[in-house]
Amino acid sequence: QVQLQESGPGLVKPSQTLSLTCTVSGGSITTSYYTWNWIRQPPGKGLEWMGVIHYDGSTYYSPSLKSRTSISRDTSKNQFSLHLSSVTPEDTAVYYCNAIRIITNTVYWGQGTQVTVSS
């Protein structure tokens, strides 16, 4: 039902902040039926959950990334965004947003967007 699409720059310089936006259609980010997440996959590695924003705007982050990660939302645009500060080349990855419909445990994925951290 819901569709998600990531957008943002594909190249970020070291020490800068990586910012990506997930645009949602087919479901409201303010409904409690879903959770809204950011996940990334570095080259040759597995998926890494980064954080979540809930219907009421509350957030929770992976402990390993908490100090550098912020998730925000714009309810008027039905969007939520990822902000990862002080990036290094190890932050190079494909970044995904997804949504989980709680009562069915159905996961809806964006297509992913490649972000490279390089000078």
C-alpha atoms as a PDB file:
ATOM      1  CA  GLN A   1       0.000   0.000   0.000  1.00  0.00           C
ATOM      2  CA  VAL A   2       2.602   2.577   0.977  1.00  0.00           C
ATOM      3  CA  GLN A   3       5.335   3.659  -1.383  1.00  0.00           C
ATOM      4  CA  LEU A   4       8.594   5.261  -0.311  1.00  0.00           C
ATOM      5  CA  GLN A   5      11.342   7.016  -2.204  1.00  0.00           C
ATOM      6  CA  GLU A   6      14.675   8.309  -0.964  1.00  0.00           C
ATOM      7  CA  SER A   7      16.223  11.498  -2.262  1.00  0.00           C
ATOM      8  CA  GLY A   8      19.311  13.538  -1.546  1.00  0.00           C
ATOM      9  CA  PRO A   9      22.882  14.057  -2.693  1.00  0.00           C
ATOM     10  CA  GLY A  10      24.889  11.047  -3.777  1.00  0.00           C
ATOM     11  CA  LEU A  11      28.222  12.533  -2.735  1.00  0.00           C
ATOM     12  CA  VAL A  12      29.077  14.045   0.647  1.00  0.00           C
ATOM     13  CA  LYS A  13      32.431  15.338   1.824  1.00  0.00           C
ATOM     14  CA  PRO A  14      34.060  14.060   5.016  1.00  0.00           C
ATOM     15  CA  SER A  15      33.059  15.939   8.167  1.00  0.00           C
ATOM     16  CA  GLN A  16      29.845  17.186   6.571  1.00  0.00           C
ATOM     17  CA  THR A  17      26.297  16.151   7.398  1.00  0.00           C
ATOM     18  CA  LEU A  18      24.565  13.577   5.233  1.00  0.00           C
ATOM     19  CA  SER A  19      20.899  14.462   4.759  1.00  0.00           C
ATOM     20  CA  LEU A  20      18.351  12.302   2.971  1.00  0.00           C
ATOM     21  CA  THR A  21      14.597  12.584   2.648  1.00  0.00           C
ATOM     22  CA  CYS A  22      12.028   9.818   2.335  1.00  0.00           C
ATOM     23  CA  THR A  23       8.841  10.798   0.554  1.00  0.00           C
ATOM     24  CA  VAL A  24       5.844   8.642   1.449  1.00  0.00           C
ATOM     25  CA  SER A  25       2.672   8.049  -0.518  1.00  0.00           C
ATOM     26  CA  GLY A  26      -0.259   5.750   0.169  1.00  0.00           C
ATOM     27  CA  GLY A  27      -0.047   6.154   3.932  1.00  0.00           C
ATOM     28  CA  SER A  28       0.396   8.917   6.460  1.00  0.00           C
ATOM     29  CA  ILE A  29       3.527   9.171   8.585  1.00  0.00           C
ATOM     30  CA  THR A  30       1.275  10.269  11.431  1.00  0.00           C
ATOM     31  CA  THR A  31      -0.695   7.020  11.553  1.00  0.00           C
ATOM     32  CA  SER A  32       0.101   4.600  14.350  1.00  0.00           C
ATOM     33  CA  TYR A  33      -0.326   1.689  11.949  1.00  0.00           C
ATOM     34  CA  TYR A  34       3.279   2.073  10.756  1.00  0.00           C
ATOM     35  CA  THR A  35       6.800   2.677  11.974  1.00  0.00           C
ATOM     36  CA  TRP A  36       9.155   4.651   9.755  1.00  0.00           C
ATOM     37  CA  ASN A  37      12.809   3.620   9.583  1.00  0.00           C
ATOM     38  CA  TRP A  38      16.193   4.333   8.060  1.00  0.00           C
ATOM     39  CA  ILE A  39      18.515   1.434   7.198  1.00  0.00           C
ATOM     40  CA  ARG A  40      21.845   1.357   5.385  1.00  0.00           C
ATOM     41  CA  GLN A  41      24.057  -1.253   3.739  1.00  0.00           C
ATOM     42  CA  PRO A  42      27.789  -0.587   3.311  1.00  0.00           C
ATOM     43  CA  PRO A  43      29.518  -2.305   0.381  1.00  0.00           C
ATOM     44  CA  GLY A  44      29.930  -6.013   1.042  1.00  0.00           C
ATOM     45  CA  LYS A  45      28.174  -5.828   4.403  1.00  0.00           C
ATOM     46  CA  GLY A  46      24.754  -6.508   5.807  1.00  0.00           C
ATOM     47  CA  LEU A  47      21.864  -4.222   6.552  1.00  0.00           C
ATOM     48  CA  GLU A  48      22.289  -1.858   9.486  1.00  0.00           C
ATOM     49  CA  TRP A  49      19.253  -0.353  11.156  1.00  0.00           C
ATOM     50  CA  MET A  50      19.890   3.298  11.954  1.00  0.00           C
ATOM     51  CA  GLY A  51      16.770   4.632  13.598  1.00  0.00           C
ATOM     52  CA  VAL A  52      13.018   5.069  13.625  1.00  0.00           C
ATOM     53  CA  ILE A  53      10.481   7.832  13.906  1.00  0.00           C
ATOM     54  CA  HIS A  54       7.035   6.960  15.182  1.00  0.00           C
ATOM     55  CA  TYR A  55       3.629   8.398  14.363  1.00  0.00           C
ATOM     56  CA  ASP A  56       3.853  10.928  17.189  1.00  0.00           C
ATOM     57  CA  GLY A  57       7.316  12.162  16.205  1.00  0.00           C
ATOM     58  CA  SER A  58       9.230  10.271  18.862  1.00  0.00           C
ATOM     59  CA  THR A  59      12.551   8.805  17.756  1.00  0.00           C
ATOM     60  CA  TYR A  60      14.946   6.036  18.668  1.00  0.00           C
ATOM     61  CA  TYR A  61      18.397   5.368  17.241  1.00  0.00           C
ATOM     62  CA  SER A  62      20.924   2.580  16.984  1.00  0.00           C
ATOM     63  CA  PRO A  63      23.269   2.908  19.969  1.00  0.00           C
ATOM     64  CA  SER A  64      26.312   2.871  17.686  1.00  0.00           C
ATOM     65  CA  LEU A  65      25.012   5.829  15.691  1.00  0.00           C
ATOM     66  CA  LYS A  66      22.958   7.715  18.242  1.00  0.00           C
ATOM     67  CA  SER A  67      25.470  10.500  18.794  1.00  0.00           C
ATOM     68  CA  ARG A  68      25.535  11.398  15.090  1.00  0.00           C
ATOM     69  CA  THR A  69      22.010  10.588  13.930  1.00  0.00           C
ATOM     70  CA  SER A  70      18.829  12.605  13.847  1.00  0.00           C
ATOM     71  CA  ILE A  71      15.513  11.784  12.192  1.00  0.00           C
ATOM     72  CA  SER A  72      12.985  14.520  11.585  1.00  0.00           C
ATOM     73  CA  ARG A  73       9.725  14.831   9.733  1.00  0.00           C
ATOM     74  CA  ASP A  74       7.600  17.246   7.777  1.00  0.00           C
ATOM     75  CA  THR A  75       4.021  16.124   8.205  1.00  0.00           C
ATOM     76  CA  SER A  76       2.684  18.642   5.693  1.00  0.00           C
ATOM     77  CA  LYS A  77       4.772  16.957   2.994  1.00  0.00           C
ATOM     78  CA  ASN A  78       4.425  13.428   4.385  1.00  0.00           C
ATOM     79  CA  GLN A  79       8.205  13.140   4.526  1.00  0.00           C
ATOM     80  CA  PHE A  80      10.780  12.061   7.050  1.00  0.00           C
ATOM     81  CA  SER A  81      14.484  12.769   6.857  1.00  0.00           C
ATOM     82  CA  LEU A  82      17.797  11.364   8.026  1.00  0.00           C
ATOM     83  CA  HIS A  83      20.684  13.525   9.197  1.00  0.00           C
ATOM     84  CA  LEU A  84      24.043  11.885   9.863  1.00  0.00           C
ATOM     85  CA  SER A  85      26.727  14.287  11.018  1.00  0.00           C
ATOM     86  CA  SER A  86      30.529  14.152  10.870  1.00  0.00           C
ATOM     87  CA  VAL A  87      30.591  11.569   8.123  1.00  0.00           C
ATOM     88  CA  THR A  88      33.650   9.570   7.130  1.00  0.00           C
ATOM     89  CA  PRO A  89      34.290   7.239   4.179  1.00  0.00           C
ATOM     90  CA  GLU A  90      33.021   4.377   6.362  1.00  0.00           C
ATOM     91  CA  ASP A  91      29.571   5.924   6.084  1.00  0.00           C
ATOM     92  CA  THR A  92      29.534   5.141   2.362  1.00  0.00           C
ATOM     93  CA  ALA A  93      26.523   2.897   1.806  1.00  0.00           C
ATOM     94  CA  VAL A  94      23.215   2.397   0.119  1.00  0.00           C
ATOM     95  CA  TYR A  95      20.643   4.110   2.315  1.00  0.00           C
ATOM     96  CA  TYR A  96      17.054   2.905   2.520  1.00  0.00           C
ATOM     97  CA  CYS A  97      13.915   4.109   4.158  1.00  0.00           C
ATOM     98  CA  ASN A  98      11.221   1.610   5.008  1.00  0.00           C
ATOM     99  CA  ALA A  99       7.874   1.308   6.723  1.00  0.00           C
ATOM    100  CA  ILE A 100       6.511  -1.551   8.792  1.00  0.00           C
ATOM    101  CA  ARG A 101       2.790  -2.070   9.065  1.00  0.00           C
ATOM    102  CA  ILE A 102       2.534  -3.243  12.639  1.00  0.00           C
ATOM    103  CA  ILE A 103      -0.532  -5.469  12.615  1.00  0.00           C
ATOM    104  CA  THR A 104       0.665  -7.472   9.601  1.00  0.00           C
ATOM    105  CA  ASN A 105       4.445  -7.120  10.006  1.00  0.00           C
ATOM    106  CA  THR A 106       4.594  -6.165   6.348  1.00  0.00           C
ATOM    107  CA  VAL A 107       7.723  -4.248   5.371  1.00  0.00           C
ATOM    108  CA  TYR A 108       7.711  -1.711   2.564  1.00  0.00           C
ATOM    109  CA  TRP A 109      11.070  -0.602   1.169  1.00  0.00           C
ATOM    110  CA  GLY A 110      12.255   2.359  -0.785  1.00  0.00           C
ATOM    111  CA  GLN A 111      14.517   1.573  -3.717  1.00  0.00           C
ATOM    112  CA  GLY A 112      17.621   2.775  -1.893  1.00  0.00           C
ATOM    113  CA  THR A 113      20.034   5.529  -2.754  1.00  0.00           C
ATOM    114  CA  GLN A 114      23.816   5.304  -2.984  1.00  0.00           C
ATOM    115  CA  VAL A 115      25.723   7.819  -0.879  1.00  0.00           C
ATOM    116  CA  THR A 116      29.486   8.095  -1.195  1.00  0.00           C
ATOM    117  CA  VAL A 117      31.584   9.984   1.329  1.00  0.00           C
ATOM    118  CA  SER A 118      34.681  11.292  -0.410  1.00  0.00           C
ATOM    119  CA  SER A 119      36.602  14.483  -0.907  1.00  0.00           C
END
